[in-house]
Amino acid sequence: MEGERPKKSMTITQEYLSMGFKLMPCGKENHHWWYCAKFQKGSVKDKTWVWDEKPQPTGEHRCGHHKCCKSKKAYCHRVGCVNRKPIDDLSDLKDL
């Protein structure tokens, strides 16, 4: 059929529930759990993480970002970032 529509992909919420997680009391999914289950988790120890020079005014929390995609979440790279890889991609284990 010429005008056939592509199949809709799962939404994050549907995928989150299919992974066996429950929604939080507010009715939303926990992005950290979903991201860590689907992708390789980043951290502030990654070579792409850069600490901001100016700490927060309270001095309690230091901010930073991934220099590759400017994501301010240490565990998460943005969509389209070359460092955002699904967990089934085990190419980083070839050096072990």
N, C-alpha and C. Protein backbone atom coordinates (compact mmCIF):
# COMPACT_ATOMS: atom_id res chain seq x y z
N MET A 1 0.82 -1.17 0.00
CA MET A 1 0.00 0.00 0.00
C MET A 1 0.87 1.25 0.00
N GLU A 2 0.54 2.20 -0.83
CA GLU A 2 1.36 3.39 -0.97
C GLU A 2 1.29 4.30 0.25
N GLY A 3 0.10 4.58 0.73
CA GLY A 3 -0.09 5.51 1.83
C GLY A 3 0.00 4.87 3.19
N GLU A 4 0.70 3.75 3.30
CA GLU A 4 0.77 3.04 4.58
C GLU A 4 1.60 3.83 5.59
N ARG A 5 1.07 3.98 6.78
CA ARG A 5 1.76 4.71 7.84
C ARG A 5 2.78 3.81 8.52
N PRO A 6 3.89 4.39 8.95
CA PRO A 6 4.84 3.58 9.72
C PRO A 6 4.26 3.23 11.09
N LYS A 7 4.69 2.10 11.63
CA LYS A 7 4.20 1.69 12.94
C LYS A 7 4.68 2.68 13.99
N LYS A 8 3.80 2.96 14.95
CA LYS A 8 4.17 3.85 16.04
C LYS A 8 5.10 3.12 16.99
N SER A 9 6.14 3.80 17.42
CA SER A 9 7.03 3.19 18.39
C SER A 9 6.45 3.38 19.79
N MET A 10 6.96 2.60 20.72
CA MET A 10 6.49 2.69 22.10
C MET A 10 6.84 4.06 22.67
N THR A 11 5.97 4.57 23.49
CA THR A 11 6.31 5.80 24.21
C THR A 11 7.22 5.42 25.37
N ILE A 12 7.85 6.40 25.96
CA ILE A 12 8.73 6.14 27.10
C ILE A 12 7.94 5.50 28.24
N THR A 13 6.72 5.98 28.46
CA THR A 13 5.91 5.43 29.54
C THR A 13 5.57 3.97 29.29
N GLN A 14 5.18 3.62 28.06
CA GLN A 14 4.87 2.23 27.73
C GLN A 14 6.11 1.35 27.89
N GLU A 15 7.25 1.84 27.42
CA GLU A 15 8.49 1.09 27.52
C GLU A 15 8.90 0.92 28.99
N TYR A 16 8.73 1.97 29.77
CA TYR A 16 9.05 1.97 31.20
C TYR A 16 8.22 0.91 31.92
N LEU A 17 6.92 0.88 31.65
CA LEU A 17 6.04 -0.11 32.29
C LEU A 17 6.37 -1.52 31.83
N SER A 18 6.75 -1.69 30.56
CA SER A 18 7.10 -3.03 30.05
C SER A 18 8.41 -3.54 30.66
N MET A 19 9.24 -2.64 31.17
CA MET A 19 10.48 -3.05 31.83
C MET A 19 10.23 -3.54 33.25
N GLY A 20 8.99 -3.39 33.73
CA GLY A 20 8.64 -3.87 35.05
C GLY A 20 8.67 -2.82 36.14
N PHE A 21 8.91 -1.57 35.77
CA PHE A 21 8.90 -0.49 36.75
C PHE A 21 7.49 0.01 36.98
N LYS A 22 7.23 0.54 38.16
CA LYS A 22 5.93 1.15 38.46
C LYS A 22 6.08 2.66 38.37
N LEU A 23 4.98 3.32 38.01
CA LEU A 23 5.00 4.77 37.95
C LEU A 23 5.17 5.35 39.34
N MET A 24 5.78 6.52 39.43
CA MET A 24 5.94 7.18 40.72
C MET A 24 4.58 7.67 41.20
N PRO A 25 4.43 8.02 42.48
CA PRO A 25 3.13 8.47 43.00
C PRO A 25 2.52 9.64 42.23
N CYS A 26 3.36 10.47 41.60
CA CYS A 26 2.84 11.60 40.84
C CYS A 26 2.30 11.17 39.47
N GLY A 27 2.51 9.90 39.08
CA GLY A 27 2.00 9.39 37.82
C GLY A 27 2.99 9.44 36.67
N LYS A 28 4.22 9.85 36.95
CA LYS A 28 5.25 9.93 35.91
C LYS A 28 6.25 8.80 36.08
N GLU A 29 7.00 8.54 35.01
CA GLU A 29 8.04 7.53 35.09
C GLU A 29 9.30 8.15 35.70
N ASN A 30 10.15 7.30 36.27
CA ASN A 30 11.43 7.74 36.82
C ASN A 30 12.43 7.70 35.68
N HIS A 31 12.81 8.87 35.16
CA HIS A 31 13.69 8.95 34.00
C HIS A 31 15.04 8.28 34.26
N HIS A 32 15.56 8.42 35.47
CA HIS A 32 16.85 7.81 35.82
C HIS A 32 16.79 6.29 35.69
N TRP A 33 15.76 5.66 36.22
CA TRP A 33 15.63 4.20 36.12
C TRP A 33 15.49 3.77 34.67
N TRP A 34 14.63 4.47 33.91
CA TRP A 34 14.42 4.12 32.50
C TRP A 34 15.71 4.25 31.71
N TYR A 35 16.41 5.38 31.87
CA TYR A 35 17.63 5.60 31.11
C TYR A 35 18.68 4.55 31.45
N CYS A 36 18.84 4.25 32.73
CA CYS A 36 19.87 3.29 33.14
C CYS A 36 19.55 1.88 32.67
N ALA A 37 18.27 1.54 32.53
CA ALA A 37 17.90 0.22 32.04
C ALA A 37 18.06 0.12 30.53
N LYS A 38 17.93 1.21 29.82
CA LYS A 38 17.97 1.20 28.35
C LYS A 38 19.34 1.53 27.77
N PHE A 39 20.06 2.45 28.41
CA PHE A 39 21.33 2.93 27.87
C PHE A 39 22.46 2.74 28.87
N GLN A 40 23.68 2.89 28.37
CA GLN A 40 24.83 2.83 29.26
C GLN A 40 24.84 4.10 30.09
N LYS A 41 24.88 3.93 31.38
CA LYS A 41 24.81 5.06 32.31
C LYS A 41 26.12 5.83 32.30
N GLY A 42 26.03 7.13 32.28
CA GLY A 42 27.21 7.99 32.39
C GLY A 42 27.46 8.34 33.85
N SER A 43 28.50 9.09 34.09
CA SER A 43 28.77 9.56 35.44
C SER A 43 29.69 10.76 35.38
N VAL A 44 29.94 11.37 36.53
CA VAL A 44 30.85 12.50 36.58
C VAL A 44 32.29 12.04 36.38
N LYS A 45 32.53 10.72 36.39
CA LYS A 45 33.87 10.19 36.15
C LYS A 45 34.17 9.99 34.66
N ASP A 46 33.16 10.19 33.80
CA ASP A 46 33.38 10.08 32.36
C ASP A 46 34.36 11.14 31.90
N LYS A 47 35.13 10.81 30.87
CA LYS A 47 36.08 11.80 30.35
C LYS A 47 35.36 12.95 29.64
N THR A 48 34.06 12.81 29.36
CA THR A 48 33.31 13.88 28.72
C THR A 48 32.71 14.86 29.72
N TRP A 49 32.77 14.55 31.02
CA TRP A 49 32.16 15.41 32.04
C TRP A 49 33.11 16.56 32.40
N VAL A 50 32.56 17.77 32.44
CA VAL A 50 33.32 18.97 32.79
C VAL A 50 32.62 19.67 33.95
N TRP A 51 33.35 19.93 35.02
CA TRP A 51 32.77 20.67 36.15
C TRP A 51 32.75 22.15 35.81
N ASP A 52 31.66 22.82 36.17
CA ASP A 52 31.57 24.27 35.99
C ASP A 52 32.50 24.94 37.00
N GLU A 53 33.09 26.04 36.59
CA GLU A 53 34.03 26.73 37.47
C GLU A 53 33.35 27.40 38.64
N LYS A 54 32.18 27.95 38.42
CA LYS A 54 31.49 28.66 39.49
C LYS A 54 30.53 27.70 40.21
N PRO A 55 30.76 27.45 41.49
CA PRO A 55 29.81 26.61 42.24
C PRO A 55 28.52 27.38 42.50
N GLN A 56 27.49 26.65 42.90
CA GLN A 56 26.22 27.27 43.24
C GLN A 56 26.43 28.25 44.39
N PRO A 57 25.59 29.29 44.49
CA PRO A 57 25.75 30.29 45.57
C PRO A 57 25.73 29.68 46.97
N THR A 58 24.98 28.60 47.16
CA THR A 58 24.93 27.98 48.48
C THR A 58 26.19 27.20 48.78
N GLY A 59 26.93 26.83 47.73
CA GLY A 59 28.17 26.10 47.91
C GLY A 59 27.99 24.62 48.18
N GLU A 60 26.74 24.15 48.21
CA GLU A 60 26.48 22.75 48.52
C GLU A 60 26.54 21.85 47.30
N HIS A 61 26.27 22.39 46.13
CA HIS A 61 26.12 21.55 44.94
C HIS A 61 26.97 22.11 43.80
N ARG A 62 27.83 21.28 43.26
CA ARG A 62 28.62 21.69 42.10
C ARG A 62 27.89 21.26 40.84
N CYS A 63 27.92 22.11 39.84
CA CYS A 63 27.27 21.80 38.57
C CYS A 63 28.32 21.48 37.51
N GLY A 64 27.87 20.82 36.48
CA GLY A 64 28.74 20.49 35.36
C GLY A 64 27.91 20.07 34.18
N HIS A 65 28.58 19.57 33.14
CA HIS A 65 27.89 19.11 31.94
C HIS A 65 28.80 18.19 31.15
N HIS A 66 28.20 17.41 30.25
CA HIS A 66 28.97 16.60 29.32
C HIS A 66 29.38 17.50 28.17
N LYS A 67 30.68 17.56 27.86
CA LYS A 67 31.13 18.47 26.81
C LYS A 67 30.70 18.01 25.42
N CYS A 68 30.34 16.74 25.28
CA CYS A 68 29.94 16.22 23.97
C CYS A 68 28.53 16.67 23.57
N CYS A 69 27.62 16.78 24.53
CA CYS A 69 26.23 17.08 24.19
C CYS A 69 25.61 18.15 25.08
N LYS A 70 26.36 18.69 26.03
CA LYS A 70 25.91 19.73 26.95
C LYS A 70 24.82 19.27 27.92
N SER A 71 24.67 17.95 28.11
CA SER A 71 23.70 17.44 29.07
C SER A 71 24.17 17.75 30.48
N LYS A 72 23.27 18.28 31.30
CA LYS A 72 23.63 18.62 32.67
C LYS A 72 23.33 17.48 33.64
N LYS A 73 22.79 16.37 33.12
CA LYS A 73 22.55 15.19 33.95
C LYS A 73 23.76 14.27 33.81
N ALA A 74 24.42 13.97 34.91
CA ALA A 74 25.64 13.17 34.85
C ALA A 74 25.39 11.78 34.29
N TYR A 75 24.24 11.18 34.59
CA TYR A 75 23.97 9.81 34.17
C TYR A 75 23.48 9.72 32.73
N CYS A 76 23.20 10.84 32.09
CA CYS A 76 22.43 10.85 30.84
C CYS A 76 23.08 11.71 29.76
N HIS A 77 23.19 11.16 28.55
CA HIS A 77 23.59 11.94 27.38
C HIS A 77 22.33 12.28 26.59
N ARG A 78 22.34 13.37 25.85
CA ARG A 78 21.17 13.79 25.09
C ARG A 78 20.96 12.92 23.86
N VAL A 79 19.73 12.96 23.34
CA VAL A 79 19.39 12.23 22.13
C VAL A 79 20.28 12.73 21.00
N GLY A 80 20.85 11.80 20.25
CA GLY A 80 21.73 12.16 19.14
C GLY A 80 23.20 12.22 19.51
N CYS A 81 23.52 12.14 20.79
CA CYS A 81 24.92 12.18 21.23
C CYS A 81 25.60 10.87 20.85
N VAL A 82 26.85 10.96 20.41
CA VAL A 82 27.59 9.75 20.02
C VAL A 82 27.88 8.84 21.21
N ASN A 83 27.84 9.37 22.41
CA ASN A 83 28.10 8.57 23.61
C ASN A 83 26.87 7.91 24.20
N ARG A 84 25.71 8.14 23.61
CA ARG A 84 24.47 7.51 24.06
C ARG A 84 24.32 6.20 23.31
N LYS A 85 24.61 5.10 23.99
CA LYS A 85 24.60 3.79 23.35
C LYS A 85 23.67 2.85 24.10
N PRO A 86 22.86 2.09 23.35
CA PRO A 86 22.01 1.09 24.02
C PRO A 86 22.87 0.06 24.75
N ILE A 87 22.31 -0.53 25.79
CA ILE A 87 23.06 -1.50 26.58
C ILE A 87 23.43 -2.73 25.78
N ASP A 88 22.64 -3.09 24.76
CA ASP A 88 22.98 -4.28 23.98
C ASP A 88 24.20 -4.05 23.09
N ASP A 89 24.70 -2.82 23.01
CA ASP A 89 25.93 -2.53 22.29
C ASP A 89 27.10 -2.78 23.23
N LEU A 90 27.79 -3.89 23.03
CA LEU A 90 28.89 -4.26 23.92
C LEU A 90 30.25 -3.96 23.31
N SER A 91 30.31 -3.05 22.34
CA SER A 91 31.57 -2.76 21.65
C SER A 91 32.61 -2.17 22.59
N ASP A 92 32.20 -1.56 23.68
CA ASP A 92 33.17 -0.98 24.61
C ASP A 92 33.89 -2.06 25.41
N LEU A 93 33.43 -3.30 25.36
CA LEU A 93 34.07 -4.40 26.10
C LEU A 93 35.22 -5.04 25.33
N LYS A 94 35.42 -4.64 24.07
CA LYS A 94 36.45 -5.27 23.25
C LYS A 94 37.86 -5.03 23.79
N ASP A 95 38.04 -3.96 24.57
CA ASP A 95 39.36 -3.63 25.09
C ASP A 95 39.68 -4.37 26.38
N LEU A 96 38.74 -5.09 26.97
CA LEU A 96 38.99 -5.79 28.23
C LEU A 96 39.81 -7.04 28.01
